[in-house]
Amino acid sequence: MLKKEMYMAAGDGCHPIVKIISEIRKAVKENAPLIHCITNPISIHDCANVVLAAGARPMMAEHPEEVAEITVTAGALALNLGNITDARKASILIAGKTAMEHDIPVIVDMVGIGCSHFRKNIIREFLDQRVKGARLILKGNMSELMALALEHHDVSGVDVAPEDILSKDHAEEGIRLAKDVAKKYHAVVLASGATDLVTDGEKVYMIHNGSEMMAKITGTGCMLNVLTAAYMSSGFILEGAVAACVVLGISGEIASERCSGTGSFQTEFLDALFSMTDTQIEEKIRGQVS
C-alpha cells in the first residue's frame, strides 16, 4: 500500500512534501505567530522553548476567565490532556470552542484517554461542541486512538500499550483505524510513535524519523503537539503535522549523535531544532506517502 518514499520523486529527487515543509518553516519564522498552548506543567517549559525555536511565540495561559480572549489573537491553539485539572478542563473546552468559532486551527493531544473515563469524556465533550468546518488535528498514540474509536479499550498509564504499537505486522490495521477516525470526526489524525502516522482520511503519511533517545526524556509528545500547532498556523493542516513529525524526529537523530546522555540530549535536541536547515531535512527525511 505504502510504496512511494517521501524523498523519491521524478525530476528533482525530492518528494513535494519537502518543499512544503520548507515553505511552512519559512512562514512561521517570518510571521512569528502567537501559539496558545494549554498544556501540562510537566513539559510546559520545554514546549515553550520548542515553539520559540521554531520561530513562533508561545502563550501558556490556562485560566478559564482569560483563555477565550487570548485564543482569538492566536495563530493556532494546542491543547493537552496531560495532568488534567478542573481548571484546565474548563479552559480546554472554552478555548477549543472559541478557536473553532473563529476558524483558528486546533490540535488536541488526547493524553491518557485510554486509562481514564474522565479524560475520554473531556474529548467527547470537546468533539460534541465541534464547529462545522473547523480545522482540527486529533493527536494520540495508537492506544489513545483505539480508546477514542472503540467503546472498550483500556490501558494502564499514558504510554502506548505494547500490543498497540504500529508495526509492520499490523500496519494496515493501524492505518485503517486512523483513517476511520479522521473521516468520522472530519479531522486530521496524528498517531505518534516510533513511526508517526498522519492522515486526513484519504492521504496517509508514515514518518520514520526519530531516535530511541527521545523516549528517555519526558515531554517529547507534548513538544510534537505544540510544534504541530506552530506549523498549522501557516494554513497547512495535514502538511503541518507531517512537518512537525519530520523536524522533531530529525532533531532527535542529530541530538543523539552529539549527546553524551539524557541531559546533553535535551540541549542538543533544542539546538538541532533551532538551527535545522532545509538541506538537513532533504538529506534525512525518511517516510512514505500513499
Protein backbone atom coordinates (compact mmCIF):
# COMPACT_ATOMS: atom_id res chain seq x y z
CA MET A 1 0.00 0.00 0.00
CA LEU A 2 2.72 2.45 1.01
CA LYS A 3 5.24 2.30 -1.80
CA LYS A 4 6.37 5.82 -2.59
CA GLU A 5 9.21 7.18 -0.45
CA MET A 6 8.94 10.85 0.53
CA TYR A 7 12.33 11.70 -0.90
CA MET A 8 11.68 9.90 -4.19
CA ALA A 9 10.07 11.94 -6.94
CA ALA A 10 10.59 12.42 -10.63
CA GLY A 11 12.57 15.46 -11.70
CA ASP A 12 14.40 16.95 -8.73
CA GLY A 13 14.88 13.93 -6.49
CA CYS A 14 12.63 15.29 -3.70
CA HIS A 15 9.07 14.49 -2.80
CA PRO A 16 6.89 17.64 -2.91
CA ILE A 17 6.35 17.43 0.87
CA VAL A 18 9.97 18.50 1.36
CA LYS A 19 9.28 21.79 -0.41
CA ILE A 20 6.06 22.30 1.52
CA ILE A 21 7.92 21.74 4.81
CA SER A 22 10.38 24.43 3.74
CA GLU A 23 7.51 26.83 2.98
CA ILE A 24 5.85 26.12 6.33
CA ARG A 25 9.04 26.68 8.31
CA LYS A 26 9.79 29.90 6.44
CA ALA A 27 6.26 31.25 7.01
CA VAL A 28 6.42 30.60 10.76
CA LYS A 29 9.82 32.30 11.08
CA GLU A 30 8.69 35.31 9.05
CA ASN A 31 5.30 35.78 10.71
CA ALA A 32 6.15 34.75 14.30
CA PRO A 33 2.54 33.72 15.08
CA LEU A 34 1.25 33.53 18.64
CA ILE A 35 0.67 29.89 19.61
CA HIS A 36 -1.70 29.48 22.54
CA CYS A 37 -0.75 26.33 24.44
CA ILE A 38 -2.88 24.83 27.20
CA THR A 39 -0.55 22.04 28.21
CA ASN A 40 0.69 20.50 31.44
CA PRO A 41 3.26 21.70 33.99
CA ILE A 42 5.44 18.64 33.43
CA SER A 43 6.54 19.79 29.99
CA ILE A 44 5.40 23.41 29.77
CA HIS A 45 8.95 24.85 29.85
CA ASP A 46 10.15 22.57 27.04
CA CYS A 47 7.02 23.22 24.99
CA ALA A 48 7.51 26.98 25.19
CA ASN A 49 11.11 26.64 24.08
CA VAL A 50 10.19 24.40 21.15
CA VAL A 51 7.70 26.99 19.90
CA LEU A 52 10.36 29.68 20.22
CA ALA A 53 12.94 27.54 18.43
CA ALA A 54 10.52 27.13 15.52
CA GLY A 55 10.21 30.92 15.24
CA ALA A 56 6.75 31.35 16.78
CA ARG A 57 5.66 32.97 20.07
CA PRO A 58 4.29 30.78 22.87
CA MET A 59 1.50 31.82 25.23
CA MET A 60 0.84 29.35 28.02
CA ALA A 61 -2.31 30.91 29.55
CA GLU A 62 -4.79 28.50 31.10
CA HIS A 63 -7.13 30.37 33.44
CA PRO A 64 -10.74 29.81 32.31
CA GLU A 65 -11.56 33.51 32.60
CA GLU A 66 -8.93 34.62 30.08
CA VAL A 67 -8.39 31.82 27.59
CA ALA A 68 -11.13 32.88 25.14
CA GLU A 69 -9.74 36.41 24.93
CA ILE A 70 -6.23 35.11 24.31
CA THR A 71 -7.22 32.40 21.86
CA VAL A 72 -8.81 34.83 19.40
CA THR A 73 -5.42 36.53 18.97
CA ALA A 74 -3.55 33.28 18.27
CA GLY A 75 -2.41 31.71 15.03
CA ALA A 76 -3.17 28.25 16.40
CA LEU A 77 -4.28 26.51 19.60
CA ALA A 78 -2.56 23.50 21.17
CA LEU A 79 -4.49 21.53 23.80
CA ASN A 80 -3.15 18.74 26.01
CA LEU A 81 -4.95 16.44 28.46
CA GLY A 82 -1.83 15.54 30.43
CA ASN A 83 -2.01 16.19 34.20
CA ILE A 84 -5.61 17.38 33.86
CA THR A 85 -7.27 19.62 36.48
CA ASP A 86 -10.76 21.09 36.77
CA ALA A 87 -9.48 24.49 35.66
CA ARG A 88 -7.52 23.05 32.74
CA LYS A 89 -10.54 21.01 31.66
CA ALA A 90 -12.71 24.14 31.59
CA SER A 91 -10.05 26.09 29.73
CA ILE A 92 -9.62 23.37 27.11
CA LEU A 93 -13.33 23.39 26.33
CA ILE A 94 -13.64 27.19 26.33
CA ALA A 95 -10.53 27.83 24.23
CA GLY A 96 -11.33 24.97 21.87
CA LYS A 97 -14.82 26.25 21.13
CA THR A 98 -13.54 29.83 20.74
CA ALA A 99 -10.84 28.75 18.29
CA MET A 100 -13.26 26.73 16.18
CA GLU A 101 -15.77 29.60 16.09
CA HIS A 102 -13.02 31.94 14.82
CA ASP A 103 -11.52 29.46 12.31
CA ILE A 104 -8.29 29.16 14.30
CA PRO A 105 -6.68 25.73 13.78
CA VAL A 106 -6.66 23.44 16.82
CA ILE A 107 -4.67 20.37 17.80
CA VAL A 108 -5.72 18.35 20.83
CA ASP A 109 -3.39 15.78 22.38
CA MET A 110 -5.60 13.04 23.84
CA VAL A 111 -3.15 12.06 26.58
CA GLY A 112 -4.31 9.11 28.65
CA ILE A 113 -7.87 8.78 27.37
CA GLY A 114 -7.43 5.01 27.41
CA CYS A 115 -6.66 4.94 31.14
CA SER A 116 -9.33 7.35 32.41
CA HIS A 117 -13.02 7.72 31.63
CA PHE A 118 -12.73 11.30 32.90
CA ARG A 119 -10.27 12.17 30.13
CA LYS A 120 -12.23 10.29 27.49
CA ASN A 121 -15.34 12.23 28.45
CA ILE A 122 -13.48 15.53 28.06
CA ILE A 123 -12.60 14.58 24.49
CA ARG A 124 -16.17 13.58 23.77
CA GLU A 125 -17.43 16.87 25.20
CA PHE A 126 -14.84 18.72 23.12
CA LEU A 127 -15.93 16.93 19.95
CA ASP A 128 -19.63 17.45 20.74
CA GLN A 129 -19.10 21.22 20.58
CA ARG A 130 -17.25 20.92 17.28
CA VAL A 131 -17.97 23.75 14.82
CA LYS A 132 -18.63 22.59 11.27
CA GLY A 133 -15.62 23.13 9.03
CA ALA A 134 -13.24 23.74 11.94
CA ARG A 135 -9.62 22.86 11.24
CA LEU A 136 -8.68 20.18 13.74
CA ILE A 137 -5.94 17.65 14.44
CA LEU A 138 -6.57 14.77 16.83
CA LYS A 139 -3.24 13.57 18.24
CA GLY A 140 -2.52 10.47 20.26
CA ASN A 141 -0.63 7.22 20.31
CA MET A 142 -2.31 4.15 18.84
CA SER A 143 -3.77 3.12 22.21
CA GLU A 144 -5.39 6.55 22.59
CA LEU A 145 -6.79 6.41 19.06
CA MET A 146 -8.25 3.00 19.80
CA ALA A 147 -9.76 4.34 23.03
CA LEU A 148 -11.47 7.08 21.03
CA ALA A 149 -12.67 4.75 18.30
CA LEU A 150 -13.76 1.78 20.41
CA GLU A 151 -16.21 1.57 23.28
CA HIS A 152 -13.96 -0.70 25.33
CA HIS A 153 -10.21 -0.25 25.06
CA ASP A 154 -8.48 0.45 28.35
CA VAL A 155 -4.74 0.69 29.00
CA SER A 156 -2.54 1.26 32.03
CA GLY A 157 -0.87 4.67 32.04
CA VAL A 158 -0.34 7.16 29.26
CA ASP A 159 2.15 5.18 27.14
CA VAL A 160 1.10 3.11 24.16
CA ALA A 161 0.32 -0.50 25.04
CA PRO A 162 2.88 -2.92 23.54
CA GLU A 163 0.19 -4.74 21.57
CA ASP A 164 -0.99 -1.45 20.03
CA ILE A 165 2.39 -0.27 18.71
CA LEU A 166 2.29 0.42 14.97
CA SER A 167 4.48 -2.24 13.35
CA LYS A 168 4.96 -3.95 10.01
CA ASP A 169 2.88 -6.86 11.25
CA HIS A 170 -0.28 -4.78 11.65
CA ALA A 171 0.43 -1.55 9.79
CA GLU A 172 -2.66 -1.93 7.64
CA GLU A 173 -4.85 -2.30 10.71
CA GLY A 174 -3.39 0.86 12.27
CA ILE A 175 -3.76 2.82 9.05
CA ARG A 176 -7.38 1.72 8.68
CA LEU A 177 -8.17 2.79 12.25
CA ALA A 178 -6.54 6.21 11.83
CA LYS A 179 -8.33 6.83 8.54
CA ASP A 180 -11.68 5.83 10.06
CA VAL A 181 -11.19 8.23 12.98
CA ALA A 182 -10.18 11.04 10.61
CA LYS A 183 -13.26 10.51 8.46
CA LYS A 184 -15.64 10.17 11.41
CA TYR A 185 -14.54 13.43 13.03
CA HIS A 186 -13.61 15.33 9.85
CA ALA A 187 -10.14 15.90 11.24
CA VAL A 188 -6.52 15.14 10.58
CA VAL A 189 -5.20 12.33 12.77
CA LEU A 190 -1.63 12.29 14.06
CA ALA A 191 -0.74 8.92 15.58
CA SER A 192 2.64 9.38 17.24
CA GLY A 193 5.17 6.66 17.94
CA ALA A 194 8.44 5.21 16.70
CA THR A 195 6.73 5.59 13.32
CA ASP A 196 4.40 8.58 13.11
CA LEU A 197 1.23 8.25 11.07
CA VAL A 198 -0.60 11.30 9.71
CA THR A 199 -3.81 11.10 7.72
CA ASP A 200 -6.81 13.17 6.70
CA GLY A 201 -8.78 10.01 5.96
CA GLU A 202 -7.53 9.83 2.39
CA LYS A 203 -3.83 10.58 2.12
CA VAL A 204 -1.55 8.75 4.55
CA TYR A 205 1.95 9.73 5.60
CA MET A 206 4.26 7.41 7.55
CA ILE A 207 7.27 9.20 9.04
CA HIS A 208 10.19 7.09 10.22
CA ASN A 209 12.46 9.81 11.59
CA GLY A 210 13.41 9.83 15.26
CA SER A 211 15.73 8.37 17.87
CA GLU A 212 15.33 5.99 20.80
CA MET A 213 16.77 8.75 22.98
CA MET A 214 13.54 10.70 22.54
CA ALA A 215 11.76 8.14 24.72
CA LYS A 216 14.31 8.61 27.50
CA ILE A 217 13.25 12.19 28.30
CA THR A 218 9.79 13.37 29.27
CA GLY A 219 7.57 15.55 27.11
CA THR A 220 8.58 14.82 23.52
CA GLY A 221 4.95 14.02 22.67
CA CYS A 222 3.88 17.34 24.17
CA MET A 223 6.63 19.08 22.19
CA LEU A 224 5.35 17.46 19.00
CA ASN A 225 1.89 18.77 19.84
CA VAL A 226 2.94 22.42 20.15
CA LEU A 227 5.34 22.25 17.19
CA THR A 228 2.45 20.96 15.08
CA ALA A 229 0.35 23.91 16.27
CA ALA A 230 3.11 26.31 15.24
CA TYR A 231 3.27 24.79 11.78
CA MET A 232 -0.55 24.64 11.48
CA SER A 233 -0.60 28.41 11.83
CA SER A 234 0.78 28.59 8.28
CA GLY A 235 -2.56 27.33 6.98
CA PHE A 236 -1.24 23.86 6.14
CA ILE A 237 -3.00 21.38 8.42
CA LEU A 238 -2.17 17.90 7.16
CA GLU A 239 1.26 19.02 5.94
CA GLY A 240 1.87 20.96 9.16
CA ALA A 241 1.53 17.75 11.14
CA VAL A 242 3.89 15.95 8.76
CA ALA A 243 6.39 18.80 9.01
CA ALA A 244 6.36 18.66 12.81
CA CYS A 245 6.92 14.89 12.85
CA VAL A 246 9.80 15.16 10.39
CA VAL A 247 11.51 18.14 12.04
CA LEU A 248 11.19 16.81 15.59
CA GLY A 249 12.33 13.36 14.50
CA ILE A 250 15.39 14.68 12.70
CA SER A 251 16.19 16.89 15.70
CA GLY A 252 16.23 13.74 17.81
CA GLU A 253 18.53 11.97 15.38
CA ILE A 254 21.01 14.86 15.28
CA ALA A 255 20.93 15.27 19.06
CA SER A 256 21.54 11.56 19.67
CA GLU A 257 24.71 11.74 17.57
CA ARG A 258 26.07 14.64 19.60
CA CYS A 259 24.98 13.94 23.19
CA SER A 260 26.65 12.01 25.99
CA GLY A 261 23.47 11.36 27.99
CA THR A 262 19.91 12.48 28.56
CA GLY A 263 20.91 15.90 29.93
CA SER A 264 23.03 16.90 26.97
CA PHE A 265 20.48 15.26 24.66
CA GLN A 266 17.87 17.82 25.71
CA THR A 267 20.23 20.70 24.94
CA GLU A 268 21.36 19.25 21.62
CA PHE A 269 17.75 18.46 20.74
CA LEU A 270 16.66 22.08 21.09
CA ASP A 271 19.78 23.34 19.30
CA ALA A 272 19.13 20.97 16.38
CA LEU A 273 15.56 22.16 16.08
CA PHE A 274 16.58 25.81 16.19
CA SER A 275 19.39 25.53 13.63
CA MET A 276 17.94 22.93 11.25
CA THR A 277 18.41 23.64 7.55
CA ASP A 278 16.37 22.62 4.52
CA THR A 279 19.38 20.62 3.34
CA GLN A 280 19.37 18.55 6.51
CA ILE A 281 15.69 17.80 6.01
CA GLU A 282 16.25 16.80 2.38
CA GLU A 283 19.10 14.50 3.39
CA LYS A 284 17.49 12.90 6.45
CA ILE A 285 13.74 12.69 5.79
CA ARG A 286 12.50 9.11 5.84
CA GLY A 287 8.94 8.08 5.20
CA GLN A 288 6.24 7.03 2.82
CA VAL A 289 3.07 8.52 1.44
CA SER A 290 0.05 6.94 -0.20
